[in-house]
């Protein structure tokens, strides 16, 4: 299945890349060579001791009530991370729910942005995408969207002629 919402620890995911919801300074040895990262952008480093080959660092927006371009910046985090996955010819990627923790983005809205952006991407690209929810309360919010995602994927697979759709 190309898109799944799962409950797990993202650092345990066995995928080609995991996405790190980072701060703009991108601290860490290899990250220092990247010279930071702007909100809505993404940069890639090796995975080192993680089970993934790559880590994509993206800086999500801080929530300021929703009228300061937060939705577009958050969508950009997902789009630019997915673009890096395509550029590096990755087959699988795992995202956290970007900006929904310390940056205060409302979880339900952050989830909608993630799902909408990933869905749009999967219309044009073939990649296994996981949205990894760490807290049980976040996962419970997503159950209504899981049905929508499943219906979307079945329709997309039918359009591409998948016999298993």
C-alpha atoms as a PDB file:
ATOM      1  CA  UNK A   1       0.000   0.000   0.000  1.00  0.00           C
ATOM      2  CA  UNK A   2       1.528   3.334  -0.997  1.00  0.00           C
ATOM      3  CA  UNK A   3       0.142   5.361   1.945  1.00  0.00           C
ATOM      4  CA  UNK A   4      -0.423   4.224   5.505  1.00  0.00           C
ATOM      5  CA  UNK A   5      -1.046   6.003   8.773  1.00  0.00           C
ATOM      6  CA  UNK A   6       0.504   3.968  11.553  1.00  0.00           C
ATOM      7  CA  UNK A   7       1.335   4.287  15.235  1.00  0.00           C
ATOM      8  CA  UNK A   8       5.025   3.724  15.846  1.00  0.00           C
ATOM      9  CA  UNK A   9       8.330   5.311  16.802  1.00  0.00           C
ATOM     10  CA  UNK A  10       9.614   6.886  13.577  1.00  0.00           C
ATOM     11  CA  UNK A  11      13.245   6.130  14.513  1.00  0.00           C
ATOM     12  CA  UNK A  12      12.408   2.412  14.333  1.00  0.00           C
ATOM     13  CA  UNK A  13      10.932   2.549  10.814  1.00  0.00           C
ATOM     14  CA  UNK A  14      12.693   0.391   8.207  1.00  0.00           C
ATOM     15  CA  UNK A  15      12.267   2.733   5.246  1.00  0.00           C
ATOM     16  CA  UNK A  16      14.648   4.453   2.852  1.00  0.00           C
ATOM     17  CA  UNK A  17      14.209   7.806   4.636  1.00  0.00           C
ATOM     18  CA  UNK A  18      12.596   9.222   7.711  1.00  0.00           C
ATOM     19  CA  UNK A  19      11.659  12.857   8.032  1.00  0.00           C
ATOM     20  CA  UNK A  20      12.932  14.851  10.980  1.00  0.00           C
ATOM     21  CA  UNK A  21      10.807  17.798  12.060  1.00  0.00           C
ATOM     22  CA  UNK A  22      13.779  20.075  12.638  1.00  0.00           C
ATOM     23  CA  UNK A  23      14.522  23.551  13.898  1.00  0.00           C
ATOM     24  CA  UNK A  24      15.984  26.066  11.401  1.00  0.00           C
ATOM     25  CA  UNK A  25      19.564  25.749  12.709  1.00  0.00           C
ATOM     26  CA  UNK A  26      19.824  22.014  11.862  1.00  0.00           C
ATOM     27  CA  UNK A  27      22.185  21.068  14.666  1.00  0.00           C
ATOM     28  CA  UNK A  28      24.363  17.991  14.305  1.00  0.00           C
ATOM     29  CA  UNK A  29      27.652  17.161  12.595  1.00  0.00           C
ATOM     30  CA  UNK A  30      26.543  16.727   8.975  1.00  0.00           C
ATOM     31  CA  UNK A  31      23.660  19.174   9.395  1.00  0.00           C
ATOM     32  CA  UNK A  32      26.091  22.002  10.127  1.00  0.00           C
ATOM     33  CA  UNK A  33      27.417  21.681   6.575  1.00  0.00           C
ATOM     34  CA  UNK A  34      23.903  22.381   5.246  1.00  0.00           C
ATOM     35  CA  UNK A  35      23.905  25.894   6.760  1.00  0.00           C
ATOM     36  CA  UNK A  36      20.424  25.711   8.245  1.00  0.00           C
ATOM     37  CA  UNK A  37      17.021  25.291   6.668  1.00  0.00           C
ATOM     38  CA  UNK A  38      14.195  27.752   6.067  1.00  0.00           C
ATOM     39  CA  UNK A  39      10.635  27.097   7.227  1.00  0.00           C
ATOM     40  CA  UNK A  40       8.859  25.024   4.581  1.00  0.00           C
ATOM     41  CA  UNK A  41      12.096  23.730   3.061  1.00  0.00           C
ATOM     42  CA  UNK A  42      13.820  20.334   3.368  1.00  0.00           C
ATOM     43  CA  UNK A  43      17.393  19.020   3.264  1.00  0.00           C
ATOM     44  CA  UNK A  44      18.805  15.493   3.347  1.00  0.00           C
ATOM     45  CA  UNK A  45      21.593  13.756   5.269  1.00  0.00           C
ATOM     46  CA  UNK A  46      22.703  10.161   5.713  1.00  0.00           C
ATOM     47  CA  UNK A  47      20.852   7.957   8.201  1.00  0.00           C
ATOM     48  CA  UNK A  48      23.994   6.794  10.027  1.00  0.00           C
ATOM     49  CA  UNK A  49      22.940   4.547  12.951  1.00  0.00           C
ATOM     50  CA  UNK A  50      19.222   4.615  12.183  1.00  0.00           C
ATOM     51  CA  UNK A  51      17.541   1.769  10.279  1.00  0.00           C
ATOM     52  CA  UNK A  52      17.015   4.133   7.311  1.00  0.00           C
ATOM     53  CA  UNK A  53      19.619   5.195   4.735  1.00  0.00           C
ATOM     54  CA  UNK A  54      18.598   8.866   4.770  1.00  0.00           C
ATOM     55  CA  UNK A  55      17.126  11.518   7.053  1.00  0.00           C
ATOM     56  CA  UNK A  56      15.214  14.374   5.473  1.00  0.00           C
ATOM     57  CA  UNK A  57      15.156  17.434   7.714  1.00  0.00           C
ATOM     58  CA  UNK A  58      12.279  19.862   7.315  1.00  0.00           C
ATOM     59  CA  UNK A  59      11.308  22.939   9.289  1.00  0.00           C
ATOM     60  CA  UNK A  60       7.594  23.262   9.903  1.00  0.00           C
ATOM     61  CA  UNK A  61       5.807  26.488  10.738  1.00  0.00           C
ATOM     62  CA  UNK A  62       5.049  27.676  14.239  1.00  0.00           C
ATOM     63  CA  UNK A  63       1.281  28.040  14.686  1.00  0.00           C
ATOM     64  CA  UNK A  64       0.186  31.687  14.945  1.00  0.00           C
ATOM     65  CA  UNK A  65      -3.553  31.203  14.568  1.00  0.00           C
ATOM     66  CA  UNK A  66      -3.632  30.068  10.941  1.00  0.00           C
ATOM     67  CA  UNK A  67      -3.618  33.439   9.202  1.00  0.00           C
ATOM     68  CA  UNK A  68       0.143  33.721   8.674  1.00  0.00           C
ATOM     69  CA  UNK A  69       0.637  31.226   5.837  1.00  0.00           C
ATOM     70  CA  UNK A  70       1.035  28.253   8.142  1.00  0.00           C
ATOM     71  CA  UNK A  71      -0.960  25.838   5.955  1.00  0.00           C
ATOM     72  CA  UNK A  72       1.083  26.543   2.821  1.00  0.00           C
ATOM     73  CA  UNK A  73       4.383  26.349   4.740  1.00  0.00           C
ATOM     74  CA  UNK A  74       3.370  23.018   6.272  1.00  0.00           C
ATOM     75  CA  UNK A  75       2.303  21.629   2.893  1.00  0.00           C
ATOM     76  CA  UNK A  76       5.638  22.801   1.503  1.00  0.00           C
ATOM     77  CA  UNK A  77       7.449  20.702   4.135  1.00  0.00           C
ATOM     78  CA  UNK A  78       5.746  17.580   2.832  1.00  0.00           C
ATOM     79  CA  UNK A  79       6.130  18.500  -0.870  1.00  0.00           C
ATOM     80  CA  UNK A  80       9.823  19.355  -0.598  1.00  0.00           C
ATOM     81  CA  UNK A  81      10.555  16.228   1.450  1.00  0.00           C
ATOM     82  CA  UNK A  82       8.729  14.083  -1.110  1.00  0.00           C
ATOM     83  CA  UNK A  83      10.613  15.830  -3.929  1.00  0.00           C
ATOM     84  CA  UNK A  84      13.903  14.896  -2.259  1.00  0.00           C
ATOM     85  CA  UNK A  85      12.693  11.288  -2.020  1.00  0.00           C
ATOM     86  CA  UNK A  86      12.071  11.292  -5.781  1.00  0.00           C
ATOM     87  CA  UNK A  87      15.386  13.028  -6.503  1.00  0.00           C
ATOM     88  CA  UNK A  88      17.269  10.394  -4.491  1.00  0.00           C
ATOM     89  CA  UNK A  89      15.216   7.573  -6.062  1.00  0.00           C
ATOM     90  CA  UNK A  90      13.855   6.380  -2.744  1.00  0.00           C
ATOM     91  CA  UNK A  91      11.089   3.803  -2.552  1.00  0.00           C
ATOM     92  CA  UNK A  92       9.794   4.533   0.955  1.00  0.00           C
ATOM     93  CA  UNK A  93       9.571   7.460   3.356  1.00  0.00           C
ATOM     94  CA  UNK A  94       8.139   7.976   6.843  1.00  0.00           C
ATOM     95  CA  UNK A  95       6.855  11.309   8.146  1.00  0.00           C
ATOM     96  CA  UNK A  96       5.980  12.475  11.634  1.00  0.00           C
ATOM     97  CA  UNK A  97       3.009  14.804  12.064  1.00  0.00           C
ATOM     98  CA  UNK A  98       5.113  17.908  11.349  1.00  0.00           C
ATOM     99  CA  UNK A  99       4.636  21.035  13.527  1.00  0.00           C
ATOM    100  CA  UNK A 100       1.972  19.401  15.719  1.00  0.00           C
ATOM    101  CA  UNK A 101       4.137  19.194  18.823  1.00  0.00           C
ATOM    102  CA  UNK A 102       6.202  22.042  20.216  1.00  0.00           C
ATOM    103  CA  UNK A 103       5.297  24.309  17.274  1.00  0.00           C
ATOM    104  CA  UNK A 104       1.632  24.200  18.332  1.00  0.00           C
ATOM    105  CA  UNK A 105      -0.059  23.386  15.011  1.00  0.00           C
ATOM    106  CA  UNK A 106      -3.489  21.904  15.839  1.00  0.00           C
ATOM    107  CA  UNK A 107      -3.220  18.149  15.340  1.00  0.00           C
ATOM    108  CA  UNK A 108      -6.435  17.720  13.338  1.00  0.00           C
ATOM    109  CA  UNK A 109      -5.438  20.488  10.912  1.00  0.00           C
ATOM    110  CA  UNK A 110      -1.842  19.240  10.677  1.00  0.00           C
ATOM    111  CA  UNK A 111      -3.182  15.801   9.811  1.00  0.00           C
ATOM    112  CA  UNK A 112      -5.437  17.215   7.088  1.00  0.00           C
ATOM    113  CA  UNK A 113      -2.529  19.098   5.522  1.00  0.00           C
ATOM    114  CA  UNK A 114      -0.347  15.973   5.608  1.00  0.00           C
ATOM    115  CA  UNK A 115      -3.010  13.751   4.057  1.00  0.00           C
ATOM    116  CA  UNK A 116      -4.010  16.267   1.373  1.00  0.00           C
ATOM    117  CA  UNK A 117      -0.397  16.916   0.354  1.00  0.00           C
ATOM    118  CA  UNK A 118       0.631  13.255   0.334  1.00  0.00           C
ATOM    119  CA  UNK A 119      -2.512  12.307  -1.641  1.00  0.00           C
ATOM    120  CA  UNK A 120      -1.744  14.903  -4.298  1.00  0.00           C
ATOM    121  CA  UNK A 121       1.842  13.649  -4.567  1.00  0.00           C
ATOM    122  CA  UNK A 122       0.770  10.009  -4.934  1.00  0.00           C
ATOM    123  CA  UNK A 123      -1.382  10.882  -7.937  1.00  0.00           C
ATOM    124  CA  UNK A 124       1.853  11.473  -9.871  1.00  0.00           C
ATOM    125  CA  UNK A 125       4.459   9.310  -8.109  1.00  0.00           C
ATOM    126  CA  UNK A 126       4.875   5.748  -6.897  1.00  0.00           C
ATOM    127  CA  UNK A 127       6.344   5.716  -3.391  1.00  0.00           C
ATOM    128  CA  UNK A 128       5.478   3.994  -0.126  1.00  0.00           C
ATOM    129  CA  UNK A 129       4.617   6.776   2.317  1.00  0.00           C
ATOM    130  CA  UNK A 130       4.014   6.330   6.026  1.00  0.00           C
ATOM    131  CA  UNK A 131       2.592   8.956   8.321  1.00  0.00           C
ATOM    132  CA  UNK A 132       3.882   7.844  11.705  1.00  0.00           C
ATOM    133  CA  UNK A 133       1.860   8.868  14.717  1.00  0.00           C
ATOM    134  CA  UNK A 134       3.610   8.483  18.036  1.00  0.00           C
ATOM    135  CA  UNK A 135       0.850   9.376  20.498  1.00  0.00           C
ATOM    136  CA  UNK A 136      -2.290   7.272  20.710  1.00  0.00           C
ATOM    137  CA  UNK A 137      -4.491  10.391  20.855  1.00  0.00           C
ATOM    138  CA  UNK A 138      -3.083  11.546  17.498  1.00  0.00           C
ATOM    139  CA  UNK A 139      -3.834   8.167  15.936  1.00  0.00           C
ATOM    140  CA  UNK A 140      -7.417   8.256  17.146  1.00  0.00           C
ATOM    141  CA  UNK A 141      -7.889  11.593  15.381  1.00  0.00           C
ATOM    142  CA  UNK A 142      -6.835   9.998  12.114  1.00  0.00           C
ATOM    143  CA  UNK A 143      -9.302   7.087  12.026  1.00  0.00           C
ATOM    144  CA  UNK A 144     -11.895   9.059  10.076  1.00  0.00           C
ATOM    145  CA  UNK A 145      -9.274  10.000   7.501  1.00  0.00           C
ATOM    146  CA  UNK A 146      -8.039   6.423   7.102  1.00  0.00           C
ATOM    147  CA  UNK A 147     -11.303   5.472   5.375  1.00  0.00           C
ATOM    148  CA  UNK A 148     -10.959   8.466   3.037  1.00  0.00           C
ATOM    149  CA  UNK A 149      -7.363   7.509   2.250  1.00  0.00           C
ATOM    150  CA  UNK A 150      -8.302   3.892   1.533  1.00  0.00           C
ATOM    151  CA  UNK A 151     -11.083   4.982  -0.835  1.00  0.00           C
ATOM    152  CA  UNK A 152      -8.722   7.403  -2.575  1.00  0.00           C
ATOM    153  CA  UNK A 153      -6.027   4.763  -3.040  1.00  0.00           C
ATOM    154  CA  UNK A 154      -8.457   2.176  -4.393  1.00  0.00           C
ATOM    155  CA  UNK A 155      -9.692   4.694  -6.950  1.00  0.00           C
ATOM    156  CA  UNK A 156      -6.132   5.692  -7.896  1.00  0.00           C
ATOM    157  CA  UNK A 157      -5.117   2.048  -8.301  1.00  0.00           C
ATOM    158  CA  UNK A 158      -8.128   1.373 -10.525  1.00  0.00           C
ATOM    159  CA  UNK A 159      -7.133   4.309 -12.736  1.00  0.00           C
ATOM    160  CA  UNK A 160      -3.633   2.830 -13.057  1.00  0.00           C
ATOM    161  CA  UNK A 161      -5.037  -0.625 -13.896  1.00  0.00           C
ATOM    162  CA  UNK A 162      -3.973  -2.388 -10.684  1.00  0.00           C
ATOM    163  CA  UNK A 163      -5.781  -5.770 -10.633  1.00  0.00           C
ATOM    164  CA  UNK A 164      -5.766  -5.787  -6.804  1.00  0.00           C
ATOM    165  CA  UNK A 165      -7.783  -2.570  -6.456  1.00  0.00           C
END
